[in-house]
Amino acid sequence: MTTSPHPTTSPSPAQPGPPAPAADWSPACVVFDCDGILMDTEANWARVQRAVAQRHGLAYTDAMERAMMGWSAADVATAIADAAGADRALVHADVLRTEEQTLTAQIVPLPGALETVREFAERLPVAVASNSTRTILGVKLEQAGFAPHLATWVSSEDVARGKPAPDIYAEAVRRLGFAPAEALAVEDSVVGATSAVAAGLVVVAVPSVPDGDPVPAHHRVVSLTDPAFRSLVARWLG
């Protein structure tokens, strides 16, 4: 059996600790990640990766799952195809087909997610920036009830480069009509937070793997119901 993709295929994460915003800073708009922040779809995404990897003779390990957390379908397909010596386009199609087949109506918001999005949306424009494909992202946001509260959402297919490049967050903020420094990003992964920091947003990290690699962010909280996060929201929204 072929070994799993080497970690060097992973996009390089940025180091944590971006410069802090001004003490009186507050957001003019908010951009949320989707998977792992708004809804618990990371487990399904891992199952998709495992199924595709195994079909191509790769051993899917916990280390591989962690390394590819937050990756786009295109990046996952490239890593699997290169490790297996397979055609990238065929593996990419396999990844997309498998994800579509496993996506069900049982998509539910994570605790506090829908309430938080609604709360911000009542006062500020809100977007979602995700490495999902356009179709799958739309299905997830509609099924989980977030779509009516969003001004826009940006997928990996809407920009030249997915996360960890800054393109997705830069495009989301552009659509909302603000400068990156005026925007708040809420992220759970190193890949996603690296993207938001590189785009110039202020980042709140809610790590989905608490004992994983440090997530670069200006603020770190345990969950969207964490009193520390609720205190930040109260301060920002007045």
Foldseek 3Di string as FASTA:
>chain_A
DFEAFDLVLFDDFDAADDDADDPLAFAQEEEEAPDLAWWPCLVVLLVLLCVLLVVLPYDRDPVNSQSCVQPALLSSLVRSCVRSVHDSVVSSVSSVVSSVVPDDLPIETDPPNQVVLQVRLVPHAYEYFGQYDPVVVVVNCVSHVNVVSHPYYFYCVNFPGHWPAQTRVLVRCVSRPDQQCNYEYEEAGSRPLNNSVNSPHAYEYQHSDVPDRDRHHNHYAPGSPGVVNVVSVVSNVD
